[in-house]
Amino acid sequence: MSRPPLPPFTRETAIQKARMAEDAWNSRDPQRVAGAYTEDSRWRNRAEFFSGREAIIQFLSRKWAKELEYRLIKEVWAFDQNRIAVRFQYEWHDDSGFWFRAYGNEQWEFDQNGLMRRREASINDVPIGVEERRFLWPLGPRPAGHPGLTELGM
């Protein structure tokens, strides 16, 4: 299975890869997201360590059951050969209606077929008031004309 764009990445293909990942995560569909990873992909997400697509699906199912109305923006920070580093922010609320903005960084490593074989994410959540929300598009992918993190001054 091939998942273009393939490494080695250029600035344009790294940006394309990050936007594809953003769109998939904004779908909140664990199966769709997991399809971008190798069968034995290794993850670190905050303090959780696991590997494999089934573990990814289980993790994302738990995540999106807790993080309601999830909306995410990713931005390429750096890239080289088969690696991409992104910074991201996402907004969500819990089942009590309290809103949060998560700030994070991810490091990605891809195989020759463009599947991610390693993902390491460091993330911090900050409580925000509903009036502080900045990601206000309808649920699903960020609209093409919606500004990214840099354009939003974030």
Protein backbone atom coordinates (compact mmCIF):
# COMPACT_ATOMS: atom_id res chain seq x y z
CA MET A 1 0.00 0.00 0.00
CA SER A 2 1.30 3.44 -0.95
CA ARG A 3 0.24 6.72 0.67
CA PRO A 4 1.61 9.67 -1.40
CA PRO A 5 3.28 12.01 -1.10
CA LEU A 6 6.29 9.80 -0.54
CA PRO A 7 9.65 10.63 1.02
CA PRO A 8 12.02 12.27 0.55
CA PHE A 9 9.83 15.29 1.30
CA THR A 10 10.06 18.75 -0.16
CA ARG A 11 8.55 21.75 1.61
CA GLU A 12 5.45 21.43 -0.58
CA THR A 13 4.99 17.69 -0.03
CA ALA A 14 5.61 18.03 3.73
CA ILE A 15 2.87 20.69 3.87
CA GLN A 16 0.59 18.45 1.81
CA LYS A 17 1.26 15.48 4.14
CA ALA A 18 0.49 17.60 7.22
CA ARG A 19 -2.77 18.89 5.72
CA MET A 20 -3.83 15.37 4.79
CA ALA A 21 -3.19 14.30 8.39
CA GLU A 22 -5.09 17.32 9.71
CA ASP A 23 -8.09 16.56 7.51
CA ALA A 24 -8.12 12.91 8.57
CA TRP A 25 -7.91 13.78 12.27
CA ASN A 26 -10.69 16.37 11.87
CA SER A 27 -12.91 13.60 10.48
CA ARG A 28 -12.69 11.97 13.93
CA ASP A 29 -12.83 8.60 12.17
CA PRO A 30 -10.34 6.25 13.91
CA GLN A 31 -10.32 3.78 10.97
CA ARG A 32 -9.53 6.52 8.46
CA VAL A 33 -6.73 7.95 10.59
CA ALA A 34 -5.22 4.53 11.35
CA GLY A 35 -4.99 3.78 7.62
CA ALA A 36 -2.16 6.32 7.30
CA TYR A 37 0.09 4.33 9.66
CA THR A 38 2.10 1.14 9.20
CA GLU A 39 0.66 -2.05 10.69
CA ASP A 40 3.32 -1.89 13.43
CA SER A 41 3.46 1.90 13.83
CA ARG A 42 4.90 3.02 17.19
CA TRP A 43 3.25 5.87 19.07
CA ARG A 44 3.93 8.05 22.05
CA ASN A 45 0.98 10.31 22.80
CA ARG A 46 1.46 12.30 25.99
CA ALA A 47 2.29 9.55 28.53
CA GLU A 48 0.85 6.63 26.50
CA PHE A 49 3.08 4.30 24.50
CA PHE A 50 1.63 1.71 22.12
CA SER A 51 2.01 0.21 18.66
CA GLY A 52 -0.12 -1.16 15.86
CA ARG A 53 -3.20 -0.03 13.98
CA GLU A 54 -5.65 -1.72 16.34
CA ALA A 55 -4.12 0.12 19.30
CA ILE A 56 -4.34 3.37 17.31
CA ILE A 57 -8.04 2.78 16.62
CA GLN A 58 -8.72 2.02 20.29
CA PHE A 59 -6.78 5.09 21.42
CA LEU A 60 -8.55 7.44 18.99
CA SER A 61 -11.97 6.02 19.88
CA ARG A 62 -11.31 6.80 23.56
CA LYS A 63 -9.89 10.21 22.69
CA TRP A 64 -12.85 11.40 20.65
CA ALA A 65 -15.38 10.01 23.13
CA LYS A 66 -13.83 12.43 25.65
CA GLU A 67 -12.70 15.35 23.44
CA LEU A 68 -16.00 16.60 22.00
CA GLU A 69 -16.34 19.01 19.03
CA TYR A 70 -12.64 18.46 18.27
CA ARG A 71 -11.16 20.87 15.70
CA LEU A 72 -7.45 20.77 14.81
CA ILE A 73 -4.88 22.80 12.86
CA LYS A 74 -1.41 21.39 12.06
CA GLU A 75 1.55 23.35 10.69
CA VAL A 76 4.89 22.04 9.40
CA TRP A 77 7.74 23.12 11.63
CA ALA A 78 10.60 21.26 9.91
CA PHE A 79 11.25 18.32 7.57
CA ASP A 80 14.13 16.21 6.28
CA GLN A 81 14.12 13.12 4.06
CA ASN A 82 11.47 10.83 5.63
CA ARG A 83 10.73 12.92 8.74
CA ILE A 84 8.35 15.80 9.40
CA ALA A 85 7.91 17.83 12.59
CA VAL A 86 4.64 19.70 13.08
CA ARG A 87 3.21 21.98 15.69
CA PHE A 88 -0.51 21.88 16.25
CA GLN A 89 -3.38 23.22 18.27
CA TYR A 90 -6.85 21.86 18.72
CA GLU A 91 -9.94 22.90 20.60
CA TRP A 92 -12.42 20.62 22.32
CA HIS A 93 -14.82 20.49 25.23
CA ASP A 94 -15.55 17.84 27.82
CA ASP A 95 -18.95 16.39 28.68
CA SER A 96 -19.47 19.19 31.24
CA GLY A 97 -19.09 21.85 28.54
CA PHE A 98 -15.66 23.11 29.62
CA TRP A 99 -13.49 24.16 26.66
CA PHE A 100 -9.78 23.52 26.20
CA ARG A 101 -7.09 24.36 23.69
CA ALA A 102 -4.38 21.74 23.31
CA TYR A 103 -0.91 22.87 22.23
CA GLY A 104 1.50 20.29 20.89
CA ASN A 105 4.36 19.12 18.76
CA GLU A 106 4.64 15.89 16.80
CA GLN A 107 7.56 14.14 15.20
CA TRP A 108 6.73 11.81 12.35
CA GLU A 109 8.83 9.18 10.58
CA PHE A 110 7.59 7.56 7.35
CA ASP A 111 8.44 4.37 5.51
CA GLN A 112 9.21 4.30 1.77
CA ASN A 113 5.49 3.89 0.97
CA GLY A 114 4.52 7.12 2.75
CA LEU A 115 2.97 5.38 5.77
CA MET A 116 3.86 6.75 9.18
CA ARG A 117 5.86 4.21 11.16
CA ARG A 118 6.56 6.40 14.18
CA ARG A 119 4.64 9.24 15.87
CA GLU A 120 5.73 11.05 19.00
CA ALA A 121 3.42 13.73 20.42
CA SER A 122 3.90 16.12 23.32
CA ILE A 123 0.67 17.92 24.26
CA ASN A 124 -0.54 20.36 26.91
CA ASP A 125 -4.17 21.34 27.51
CA VAL A 126 -5.13 24.85 28.60
CA PRO A 127 -8.66 25.69 29.78
CA ILE A 128 -10.28 28.42 27.68
CA GLY A 129 -13.57 30.27 27.84
CA VAL A 130 -16.05 29.71 25.04
CA GLU A 131 -15.40 33.32 23.96
CA GLU A 132 -11.70 32.46 23.44
CA ARG A 133 -12.40 29.80 20.81
CA ARG A 134 -10.74 30.45 17.44
CA PHE A 135 -11.57 27.24 15.52
CA LEU A 136 -15.20 27.90 14.66
CA TRP A 137 -15.74 26.10 11.35
CA PRO A 138 -18.40 23.35 11.12
CA LEU A 139 -17.20 19.94 12.33
CA GLY A 140 -15.02 18.18 9.78
CA PRO A 141 -12.00 19.37 7.78
CA ARG A 142 -10.86 22.97 8.14
CA PRO A 143 -12.21 24.93 5.15
CA ALA A 144 -9.60 25.72 2.48
CA GLY A 145 -9.81 29.48 3.09
CA HIS A 146 -9.57 29.27 6.88
CA PRO A 147 -6.26 30.66 8.20
CA GLY A 148 -3.62 28.43 9.73
CA LEU A 149 -1.85 28.88 13.05
CA THR A 150 0.67 31.46 11.86
CA GLU A 151 -2.03 33.51 10.10
CA LEU A 152 -4.13 33.42 13.29
CA GLY A 153 -1.15 34.71 15.29
CA MET A 154 -1.05 31.54 17.35
